[in-house]
């Protein structure tokens, strides 16, 4: 079966996000004063061949843990659906 993983990697909330801060300041300068707490992260899409959803989830967790995020600075969440 083919599965599609939509993965979001974001800076941990406890850490500063310089990119998010820069974008937030730019938006404020453009008149969007109601926008606050901008965070910048990564969005990754993967296609995975696996025998079932549990196996696909295991693969996604391993990939995220080993390569896509830095656990000291980032967290990840994903959505997995059949493709």
C-alpha atoms as a PDB file:
ATOM      1  CA  UNK A   1       0.000   0.000   0.000  1.00  0.00           C
ATOM      2  CA  UNK A   2       1.107   3.537  -0.649  1.00  0.00           C
ATOM      3  CA  UNK A   3       0.877   6.132   2.118  1.00  0.00           C
ATOM      4  CA  UNK A   4       1.433   9.877   2.037  1.00  0.00           C
ATOM      5  CA  UNK A   5       3.047  11.497   5.077  1.00  0.00           C
ATOM      6  CA  UNK A   6       2.619  15.261   5.528  1.00  0.00           C
ATOM      7  CA  UNK A   7       5.269  16.237   8.095  1.00  0.00           C
ATOM      8  CA  UNK A   8       5.671  19.581   9.887  1.00  0.00           C
ATOM      9  CA  UNK A   9       8.940  20.298  11.681  1.00  0.00           C
ATOM     10  CA  UNK A  10       8.785  23.362  13.929  1.00  0.00           C
ATOM     11  CA  UNK A  11      11.091  25.037  16.437  1.00  0.00           C
ATOM     12  CA  UNK A  12      10.283  24.130  20.028  1.00  0.00           C
ATOM     13  CA  UNK A  13       7.985  26.715  21.607  1.00  0.00           C
ATOM     14  CA  UNK A  14      10.465  27.358  24.422  1.00  0.00           C
ATOM     15  CA  UNK A  15      13.150  28.494  21.949  1.00  0.00           C
ATOM     16  CA  UNK A  16      13.516  31.748  20.089  1.00  0.00           C
ATOM     17  CA  UNK A  17      12.640  31.675  16.396  1.00  0.00           C
ATOM     18  CA  UNK A  18      14.731  34.402  14.692  1.00  0.00           C
ATOM     19  CA  UNK A  19      13.160  33.797  11.273  1.00  0.00           C
ATOM     20  CA  UNK A  20       9.672  33.985  12.728  1.00  0.00           C
ATOM     21  CA  UNK A  21      10.566  37.154  14.623  1.00  0.00           C
ATOM     22  CA  UNK A  22      11.929  38.795  11.448  1.00  0.00           C
ATOM     23  CA  UNK A  23       8.801  37.902   9.471  1.00  0.00           C
ATOM     24  CA  UNK A  24       6.593  39.103  12.333  1.00  0.00           C
ATOM     25  CA  UNK A  25       8.388  42.451  12.443  1.00  0.00           C
ATOM     26  CA  UNK A  26       8.047  42.805   8.668  1.00  0.00           C
ATOM     27  CA  UNK A  27       4.326  42.075   8.832  1.00  0.00           C
ATOM     28  CA  UNK A  28       3.890  44.634  11.611  1.00  0.00           C
ATOM     29  CA  UNK A  29       5.763  47.176   9.464  1.00  0.00           C
ATOM     30  CA  UNK A  30       3.398  46.430   6.593  1.00  0.00           C
ATOM     31  CA  UNK A  31       0.414  47.247   8.788  1.00  0.00           C
ATOM     32  CA  UNK A  32      -0.553  43.759   9.958  1.00  0.00           C
ATOM     33  CA  UNK A  33      -0.369  44.658  13.635  1.00  0.00           C
ATOM     34  CA  UNK A  34      -2.865  41.944  14.608  1.00  0.00           C
ATOM     35  CA  UNK A  35      -0.421  39.169  13.589  1.00  0.00           C
ATOM     36  CA  UNK A  36       1.625  37.794  16.493  1.00  0.00           C
ATOM     37  CA  UNK A  37       3.854  34.851  17.402  1.00  0.00           C
ATOM     38  CA  UNK A  38       5.019  33.987  13.877  1.00  0.00           C
ATOM     39  CA  UNK A  39       6.913  30.675  13.761  1.00  0.00           C
ATOM     40  CA  UNK A  40       8.825  29.414  10.719  1.00  0.00           C
ATOM     41  CA  UNK A  41       9.297  25.694  10.134  1.00  0.00           C
ATOM     42  CA  UNK A  42       9.548  23.060   7.420  1.00  0.00           C
ATOM     43  CA  UNK A  43       6.878  21.056   5.626  1.00  0.00           C
ATOM     44  CA  UNK A  44       7.922  17.729   4.102  1.00  0.00           C
ATOM     45  CA  UNK A  45       5.816  15.308   2.049  1.00  0.00           C
ATOM     46  CA  UNK A  46       6.845  11.656   1.657  1.00  0.00           C
ATOM     47  CA  UNK A  47       5.341   8.744  -0.252  1.00  0.00           C
ATOM     48  CA  UNK A  48       5.904   5.448   1.524  1.00  0.00           C
ATOM     49  CA  UNK A  49       5.243   1.865   0.457  1.00  0.00           C
ATOM     50  CA  UNK A  50       4.269  -0.217   3.488  1.00  0.00           C
ATOM     51  CA  UNK A  51       2.151  -3.274   4.220  1.00  0.00           C
ATOM     52  CA  UNK A  52      -0.103  -1.359   6.649  1.00  0.00           C
ATOM     53  CA  UNK A  53      -0.568   2.003   8.350  1.00  0.00           C
ATOM     54  CA  UNK A  54       1.274   0.964  11.536  1.00  0.00           C
ATOM     55  CA  UNK A  55       4.375   0.019   9.524  1.00  0.00           C
ATOM     56  CA  UNK A  56       4.181   3.327   7.630  1.00  0.00           C
ATOM     57  CA  UNK A  57       3.942   5.213  10.941  1.00  0.00           C
ATOM     58  CA  UNK A  58       7.026   3.391  12.216  1.00  0.00           C
ATOM     59  CA  UNK A  59       8.941   4.374   9.083  1.00  0.00           C
ATOM     60  CA  UNK A  60       7.863   8.034   9.349  1.00  0.00           C
ATOM     61  CA  UNK A  61       8.820   8.178  13.033  1.00  0.00           C
ATOM     62  CA  UNK A  62      12.252   6.700  12.293  1.00  0.00           C
ATOM     63  CA  UNK A  63      12.869   9.082   9.383  1.00  0.00           C
ATOM     64  CA  UNK A  64      11.818  12.123  11.411  1.00  0.00           C
ATOM     65  CA  UNK A  65      13.828  11.078  14.457  1.00  0.00           C
ATOM     66  CA  UNK A  66      16.990  10.213  12.525  1.00  0.00           C
ATOM     67  CA  UNK A  67      17.119  12.837   9.781  1.00  0.00           C
ATOM     68  CA  UNK A  68      14.389  15.469   9.539  1.00  0.00           C
ATOM     69  CA  UNK A  69      14.481  17.174  12.914  1.00  0.00           C
ATOM     70  CA  UNK A  70      16.951  18.190  15.583  1.00  0.00           C
ATOM     71  CA  UNK A  71      15.379  17.034  18.888  1.00  0.00           C
ATOM     72  CA  UNK A  72      17.242  19.717  20.834  1.00  0.00           C
ATOM     73  CA  UNK A  73      15.655  22.538  18.829  1.00  0.00           C
ATOM     74  CA  UNK A  74      12.674  21.120  16.918  1.00  0.00           C
ATOM     75  CA  UNK A  75       9.606  18.971  17.240  1.00  0.00           C
ATOM     76  CA  UNK A  76       7.604  17.232  14.541  1.00  0.00           C
ATOM     77  CA  UNK A  77       4.035  16.234  13.824  1.00  0.00           C
ATOM     78  CA  UNK A  78       2.634  14.395  10.826  1.00  0.00           C
ATOM     79  CA  UNK A  79      -0.534  13.280   9.147  1.00  0.00           C
ATOM     80  CA  UNK A  80      -0.526   9.934   7.356  1.00  0.00           C
ATOM     81  CA  UNK A  81      -3.117   8.852   4.803  1.00  0.00           C
ATOM     82  CA  UNK A  82      -3.420   6.322   2.012  1.00  0.00           C
ATOM     83  CA  UNK A  83      -2.213   7.633  -1.321  1.00  0.00           C
END
